[in-house]
Amino acid sequence: MTYRVIHKKYLAEALSFLGFRYYKFNEIDNNSRKEIIKYSFVETTAFNNAVSDLLLLKEKYKNY
């Protein structure tokens, strides 16, 4: 089973709305000492299609 990490909160929430569960975890950036939040999803064909569709939708409505 492979996983895909998403760094963008709203993209992760949109995928969650579509029914994909995620695991949220935190890391500390060694250089800046900032906390980085990451969202991990199980990577499937349906998941990859959903990400592609969401990114196309974002491109379509980016001017609004």
C-alpha atoms as a PDB file:
ATOM      1  CA  MET A   1       0.000   0.000   0.000  1.00  0.00           C
ATOM      2  CA  THR A   2       1.388   3.379  -0.967  1.00  0.00           C
ATOM      3  CA  TYR A   3       0.601   6.727   0.552  1.00  0.00           C
ATOM      4  CA  ARG A   4       0.543  10.227  -0.853  1.00  0.00           C
ATOM      5  CA  VAL A   5       1.325  13.238   1.286  1.00  0.00           C
ATOM      6  CA  ILE A   6      -0.545  16.495   0.730  1.00  0.00           C
ATOM      7  CA  HIS A   7       0.778  19.727   2.245  1.00  0.00           C
ATOM      8  CA  LYS A   8      -2.239  21.926   1.484  1.00  0.00           C
ATOM      9  CA  LYS A   9      -5.000  21.952   4.087  1.00  0.00           C
ATOM     10  CA  TYR A  10      -7.848  22.935   1.771  1.00  0.00           C
ATOM     11  CA  LEU A  11      -6.955  20.296  -0.813  1.00  0.00           C
ATOM     12  CA  ALA A  12      -6.918  17.673   1.944  1.00  0.00           C
ATOM     13  CA  GLU A  13     -10.281  18.892   3.232  1.00  0.00           C
ATOM     14  CA  ALA A  14     -11.782  18.818  -0.298  1.00  0.00           C
ATOM     15  CA  LEU A  15     -10.586  15.240  -0.734  1.00  0.00           C
ATOM     16  CA  SER A  16     -12.048  14.382   2.651  1.00  0.00           C
ATOM     17  CA  PHE A  17     -15.369  15.871   1.529  1.00  0.00           C
ATOM     18  CA  LEU A  18     -15.264  13.507  -1.451  1.00  0.00           C
ATOM     19  CA  GLY A  19     -14.907  10.543   0.909  1.00  0.00           C
ATOM     20  CA  PHE A  20     -11.157   9.969   1.139  1.00  0.00           C
ATOM     21  CA  ARG A  21      -9.861   9.577   4.693  1.00  0.00           C
ATOM     22  CA  TYR A  22      -6.590  11.144   5.700  1.00  0.00           C
ATOM     23  CA  TYR A  23      -4.137  10.925   8.556  1.00  0.00           C
ATOM     24  CA  LYS A  24      -2.770  14.201   9.829  1.00  0.00           C
ATOM     25  CA  PHE A  25       0.736  14.425  11.212  1.00  0.00           C
ATOM     26  CA  ASN A  26       3.153  17.141  12.231  1.00  0.00           C
ATOM     27  CA  GLU A  27       6.850  17.543  11.559  1.00  0.00           C
ATOM     28  CA  ILE A  28       9.347  20.127  12.682  1.00  0.00           C
ATOM     29  CA  ASP A  29      11.405  21.777   9.938  1.00  0.00           C
ATOM     30  CA  ASN A  30      15.043  21.552  11.002  1.00  0.00           C
ATOM     31  CA  ASN A  31      16.062  24.799   9.309  1.00  0.00           C
ATOM     32  CA  SER A  32      13.325  27.168  10.451  1.00  0.00           C
ATOM     33  CA  ARG A  33      12.098  25.239  13.511  1.00  0.00           C
ATOM     34  CA  LYS A  34       8.508  25.641  12.273  1.00  0.00           C
ATOM     35  CA  GLU A  35       5.853  23.005  12.619  1.00  0.00           C
ATOM     36  CA  ILE A  36       4.714  21.583   9.261  1.00  0.00           C
ATOM     37  CA  ILE A  37       1.340  19.860   9.047  1.00  0.00           C
ATOM     38  CA  LYS A  38       0.990  17.089   6.469  1.00  0.00           C
ATOM     39  CA  TYR A  39      -1.974  14.997   5.352  1.00  0.00           C
ATOM     40  CA  SER A  40      -1.448  11.401   4.244  1.00  0.00           C
ATOM     41  CA  PHE A  41      -3.872   9.536   1.958  1.00  0.00           C
ATOM     42  CA  VAL A  42      -3.893   5.980   0.652  1.00  0.00           C
ATOM     43  CA  GLU A  43      -2.991   6.330  -3.011  1.00  0.00           C
ATOM     44  CA  THR A  44      -5.453   4.602  -5.339  1.00  0.00           C
ATOM     45  CA  THR A  45      -6.588   5.181  -8.898  1.00  0.00           C
ATOM     46  CA  ALA A  46      -9.796   6.807  -7.640  1.00  0.00           C
ATOM     47  CA  PHE A  47      -7.774   9.079  -5.350  1.00  0.00           C
ATOM     48  CA  ASN A  48      -5.440  10.140  -8.158  1.00  0.00           C
ATOM     49  CA  ASN A  49      -8.443  10.871 -10.408  1.00  0.00           C
ATOM     50  CA  ALA A  50     -10.041  12.968  -7.660  1.00  0.00           C
ATOM     51  CA  VAL A  51      -6.847  14.999  -7.179  1.00  0.00           C
ATOM     52  CA  SER A  52      -6.578  15.588 -10.921  1.00  0.00           C
ATOM     53  CA  ASP A  53     -10.220  16.648 -11.156  1.00  0.00           C
ATOM     54  CA  LEU A  54      -9.905  19.021  -8.212  1.00  0.00           C
ATOM     55  CA  LEU A  55      -6.805  20.642  -9.688  1.00  0.00           C
ATOM     56  CA  LEU A  56      -8.594  21.093 -13.036  1.00  0.00           C
ATOM     57  CA  LEU A  57     -11.559  22.626 -11.229  1.00  0.00           C
ATOM     58  CA  LYS A  58      -9.221  24.984  -9.392  1.00  0.00           C
ATOM     59  CA  GLU A  59      -7.662  26.051 -12.688  1.00  0.00           C
ATOM     60  CA  LYS A  60     -11.093  26.657 -14.198  1.00  0.00           C
ATOM     61  CA  TYR A  61     -12.229  28.948 -11.356  1.00  0.00           C
ATOM     62  CA  LYS A  62      -8.913  30.520 -10.369  1.00  0.00           C
ATOM     63  CA  ASN A  63     -10.039  34.028 -11.378  1.00  0.00           C
ATOM     64  CA  TYR A  64     -12.997  34.094  -8.960  1.00  0.00           C
END
